[in-house]
Amino acid sequence: MKVIPKFLLFSAEKTASFLIQFTFFHIIKAKSVIFLFFFINIAKTKK
């Protein structure tokens, strides 16, 4: 009986860490895309 909750806890921890990494990666990706777009707009206005 004790093996099942331990396994569930482990899988829940793995899922949580994966979700955190996934969202963190997407936030960084979105920020870099926004920054790139902003930089391109500045370059266009300077020309």
PDB file of N, CA and C in Angstrom:
ATOM      1  N   MET A   1       0.822  -1.220   0.000  1.00  0.00           N
ATOM      2  CA  MET A   1       0.000   0.000   0.000  1.00  0.00           C
ATOM      3  C   MET A   1       0.855   1.268   0.000  1.00  0.00           C
ATOM      4  N   LYS A   2       1.959   1.223   0.703  1.00  0.00           N
ATOM      5  CA  LYS A   2       2.801   2.427   0.817  1.00  0.00           C
ATOM      6  C   LYS A   2       3.527   2.781  -0.482  1.00  0.00           C
ATOM      7  N   VAL A   3       3.662   1.784  -1.361  1.00  0.00           N
ATOM      8  CA  VAL A   3       4.387   2.017  -2.619  1.00  0.00           C
ATOM      9  C   VAL A   3       3.594   2.935  -3.554  1.00  0.00           C
ATOM     10  N   ILE A   4       2.276   2.778  -3.584  1.00  0.00           N
ATOM     11  CA  ILE A   4       1.436   3.552  -4.510  1.00  0.00           C
ATOM     12  C   ILE A   4       1.474   5.063  -4.224  1.00  0.00           C
ATOM     13  N   PRO A   5       1.248   5.525  -2.978  1.00  0.00           N
ATOM     14  CA  PRO A   5       1.312   6.967  -2.729  1.00  0.00           C
ATOM     15  C   PRO A   5       2.693   7.554  -3.013  1.00  0.00           C
ATOM     16  N   LYS A   6       3.752   6.787  -2.703  1.00  0.00           N
ATOM     17  CA  LYS A   6       5.115   7.246  -2.955  1.00  0.00           C
ATOM     18  C   LYS A   6       5.323   7.459  -4.456  1.00  0.00           C
ATOM     19  N   PHE A   7       4.866   6.504  -5.247  1.00  0.00           N
ATOM     20  CA  PHE A   7       4.975   6.585  -6.701  1.00  0.00           C
ATOM     21  C   PHE A   7       4.180   7.776  -7.236  1.00  0.00           C
ATOM     22  N   LEU A   8       2.977   7.979  -6.690  1.00  0.00           N
ATOM     23  CA  LEU A   8       2.137   9.106  -7.106  1.00  0.00           C
ATOM     24  C   LEU A   8       2.801  10.434  -6.770  1.00  0.00           C
ATOM     25  N   LEU A   9       3.399  10.505  -5.580  1.00  0.00           N
ATOM     26  CA  LEU A   9       4.084  11.713  -5.144  1.00  0.00           C
ATOM     27  C   LEU A   9       5.264  12.004  -6.066  1.00  0.00           C
ATOM     28  N   PHE A  10       6.014  10.957  -6.415  1.00  0.00           N
ATOM     29  CA  PHE A  10       7.170  11.098  -7.294  1.00  0.00           C
ATOM     30  C   PHE A  10       6.742  11.597  -8.676  1.00  0.00           C
ATOM     31  N   SER A  11       5.685  11.003  -9.224  1.00  0.00           N
ATOM     32  CA  SER A  11       5.197  11.413 -10.546  1.00  0.00           C
ATOM     33  C   SER A  11       4.646  12.836 -10.498  1.00  0.00           C
ATOM     34  N   ALA A  12       4.000  13.191  -9.384  1.00  0.00           N
ATOM     35  CA  ALA A  12       3.467  14.547  -9.227  1.00  0.00           C
ATOM     36  C   ALA A  12       4.608  15.562  -9.170  1.00  0.00           C
ATOM     37  N   GLU A  13       5.681  15.216  -8.456  1.00  0.00           N
ATOM     38  CA  GLU A  13       6.853  16.090  -8.375  1.00  0.00           C
ATOM     39  C   GLU A  13       7.492  16.261  -9.750  1.00  0.00           C
ATOM     40  N   LYS A  14       7.622  15.161 -10.488  1.00  0.00           N
ATOM     41  CA  LYS A  14       8.200  15.208 -11.840  1.00  0.00           C
ATOM     42  C   LYS A  14       7.343  16.077 -12.761  1.00  0.00           C
ATOM     43  N   THR A  15       6.033  15.915 -12.680  1.00  0.00           N
ATOM     44  CA  THR A  15       5.111  16.697 -13.501  1.00  0.00           C
ATOM     45  C   THR A  15       5.202  18.172 -13.154  1.00  0.00           C
ATOM     46  N   ALA A  16       5.274  18.476 -11.854  1.00  0.00           N
ATOM     47  CA  ALA A  16       5.357  19.867 -11.401  1.00  0.00           C
ATOM     48  C   ALA A  16       6.645  20.512 -11.896  1.00  0.00           C
ATOM     49  N   SER A  17       7.765  19.813 -11.757  1.00  0.00           N
ATOM     50  CA  SER A  17       9.045  20.366 -12.198  1.00  0.00           C
ATOM     51  C   SER A  17       9.059  20.555 -13.720  1.00  0.00           C
ATOM     52  N   PHE A  18       8.458  19.612 -14.441  1.00  0.00           N
ATOM     53  CA  PHE A  18       8.370  19.719 -15.903  1.00  0.00           C
ATOM     54  C   PHE A  18       7.536  20.931 -16.301  1.00  0.00           C
ATOM     55  N   LEU A  19       6.400  21.127 -15.624  1.00  0.00           N
ATOM     56  CA  LEU A  19       5.532  22.269 -15.922  1.00  0.00           C
ATOM     57  C   LEU A  19       6.233  23.593 -15.630  1.00  0.00           C
ATOM     58  N   ILE A  20       6.967  23.638 -14.512  1.00  0.00           N
ATOM     59  CA  ILE A  20       7.704  24.854 -14.145  1.00  0.00           C
ATOM     60  C   ILE A  20       8.759  25.161 -15.203  1.00  0.00           C
ATOM     61  N   GLN A  21       9.529  24.139 -15.602  1.00  0.00           N
ATOM     62  CA  GLN A  21      10.560  24.316 -16.632  1.00  0.00           C
ATOM     63  C   GLN A  21       9.930  24.737 -17.956  1.00  0.00           C
ATOM     64  N   PHE A  22       8.818  24.108 -18.318  1.00  0.00           N
ATOM     65  CA  PHE A  22       8.121  24.396 -19.577  1.00  0.00           C
ATOM     66  C   PHE A  22       7.635  25.838 -19.627  1.00  0.00           C
ATOM     67  N   THR A  23       6.969  26.281 -18.542  1.00  0.00           N
ATOM     68  CA  THR A  23       6.447  27.655 -18.500  1.00  0.00           C
ATOM     69  C   THR A  23       7.586  28.661 -18.464  1.00  0.00           C
ATOM     70  N   PHE A  24       8.645  28.345 -17.703  1.00  0.00           N
ATOM     71  CA  PHE A  24       9.807  29.234 -17.606  1.00  0.00           C
ATOM     72  C   PHE A  24      10.451  29.412 -18.974  1.00  0.00           C
ATOM     73  N   PHE A  25      10.615  28.304 -19.714  1.00  0.00           N
ATOM     74  CA  PHE A  25      11.186  28.327 -21.062  1.00  0.00           C
ATOM     75  C   PHE A  25      10.324  29.166 -21.997  1.00  0.00           C
ATOM     76  N   HIS A  26       9.013  29.016 -21.905  1.00  0.00           N
ATOM     77  CA  HIS A  26       8.111  29.767 -22.773  1.00  0.00           C
ATOM     78  C   HIS A  26       8.102  31.253 -22.440  1.00  0.00           C
ATOM     79  N   ILE A  27       8.240  31.599 -21.146  1.00  0.00           N
ATOM     80  CA  ILE A  27       8.311  33.007 -20.747  1.00  0.00           C
ATOM     81  C   ILE A  27       9.578  33.636 -21.329  1.00  0.00           C
ATOM     82  N   ILE A  28      10.701  32.935 -21.230  1.00  0.00           N
ATOM     83  CA  ILE A  28      11.968  33.431 -21.777  1.00  0.00           C
ATOM     84  C   ILE A  28      11.855  33.577 -23.299  1.00  0.00           C
ATOM     85  N   LYS A  29      11.264  32.578 -23.940  1.00  0.00           N
ATOM     86  CA  LYS A  29      11.086  32.586 -25.390  1.00  0.00           C
ATOM     87  C   LYS A  29      10.223  33.782 -25.814  1.00  0.00           C
ATOM     88  N   ALA A  30       9.124  33.992 -25.108  1.00  0.00           N
ATOM     89  CA  ALA A  30       8.213  35.096 -25.420  1.00  0.00           C
ATOM     90  C   ALA A  30       8.909  36.444 -25.207  1.00  0.00           C
ATOM     91  N   LYS A  31       9.670  36.567 -24.117  1.00  0.00           N
ATOM     92  CA  LYS A  31      10.385  37.807 -23.835  1.00  0.00           C
ATOM     93  C   LYS A  31      11.423  38.097 -24.910  1.00  0.00           C
ATOM     94  N   SER A  32      12.148  37.068 -25.360  1.00  0.00           N
ATOM     95  CA  SER A  32      13.169  37.260 -26.395  1.00  0.00           C
ATOM     96  C   SER A  32      12.518  37.660 -27.716  1.00  0.00           C
ATOM     97  N   VAL A  33      11.356  37.088 -28.026  1.00  0.00           N
ATOM     98  CA  VAL A  33      10.632  37.438 -29.253  1.00  0.00           C
ATOM     99  C   VAL A  33      10.157  38.893 -29.190  1.00  0.00           C
ATOM    100  N   ILE A  34       9.620  39.291 -28.039  1.00  0.00           N
ATOM    101  CA  ILE A  34       9.162  40.676 -27.851  1.00  0.00           C
ATOM    102  C   ILE A  34      10.346  41.634 -27.965  1.00  0.00           C
ATOM    103  N   PHE A  35      11.467  41.276 -27.340  1.00  0.00           N
ATOM    104  CA  PHE A  35      12.670  42.106 -27.384  1.00  0.00           C
ATOM    105  C   PHE A  35      13.183  42.241 -28.814  1.00  0.00           C
ATOM    106  N   LEU A  36      13.187  41.134 -29.551  1.00  0.00           N
ATOM    107  CA  LEU A  36      13.630  41.137 -30.941  1.00  0.00           C
ATOM    108  C   LEU A  36      12.730  42.039 -31.789  1.00  0.00           C
ATOM    109  N   PHE A  37      11.424  41.924 -31.600  1.00  0.00           N
ATOM    110  CA  PHE A  37      10.451  42.748 -32.319  1.00  0.00           C
ATOM    111  C   PHE A  37      10.660  44.228 -32.008  1.00  0.00           C
ATOM    112  N   PHE A  38      10.873  44.545 -30.719  1.00  0.00           N
ATOM    113  CA  PHE A  38      11.131  45.904 -30.255  1.00  0.00           C
ATOM    114  C   PHE A  38      12.410  46.445 -30.882  1.00  0.00           C
ATOM    115  N   PHE A  39      13.454  45.612 -30.925  1.00  0.00           N
ATOM    116  CA  PHE A  39      14.746  45.991 -31.500  1.00  0.00           C
ATOM    117  C   PHE A  39      14.614  46.270 -32.992  1.00  0.00           C
ATOM    118  N   ILE A  40      13.855  45.444 -33.699  1.00  0.00           N
ATOM    119  CA  ILE A  40      13.625  45.636 -35.138  1.00  0.00           C
ATOM    120  C   ILE A  40      12.880  46.952 -35.380  1.00  0.00           C
ATOM    121  N   ASN A  41      11.899  47.264 -34.536  1.00  0.00           N
ATOM    122  CA  ASN A  41      11.152  48.517 -34.662  1.00  0.00           C
ATOM    123  C   ASN A  41      12.062  49.720 -34.448  1.00  0.00           C
ATOM    124  N   ILE A  42      12.974  49.642 -33.481  1.00  0.00           N
ATOM    125  CA  ILE A  42      13.931  50.724 -33.224  1.00  0.00           C
ATOM    126  C   ILE A  42      14.842  50.894 -34.438  1.00  0.00           C
ATOM    127  N   ALA A  43      15.306  49.782 -34.986  1.00  0.00           N
ATOM    128  CA  ALA A  43      16.174  49.826 -36.168  1.00  0.00           C
ATOM    129  C   ALA A  43      15.452  50.450 -37.357  1.00  0.00           C
ATOM    130  N   LYS A  44      14.174  50.148 -37.512  1.00  0.00           N
ATOM    131  CA  LYS A  44      13.373  50.709 -38.603  1.00  0.00           C
ATOM    132  C   LYS A  44      13.188  52.214 -38.438  1.00  0.00           C
ATOM    133  N   THR A  45      12.940  52.661 -37.200  1.00  0.00           N
ATOM    134  CA  THR A  45      12.712  54.085 -36.960  1.00  0.00           C
ATOM    135  C   THR A  45      14.007  54.885 -37.071  1.00  0.00           C
ATOM    136  N   LYS A  46      15.142  54.261 -36.765  1.00  0.00           N
ATOM    137  CA  LYS A  46      16.438  54.952 -36.875  1.00  0.00           C
ATOM    138  C   LYS A  46      16.858  55.152 -38.328  1.00  0.00           C
ATOM    139  N   LYS A  47      16.412  54.270 -39.203  1.00  0.00           N
ATOM    140  CA  LYS A  47      16.722  54.395 -40.630  1.00  0.00           C
ATOM    141  C   LYS A  47      15.922  55.568 -41.196  1.00  0.00           C
TER     142      LYS A  47
END
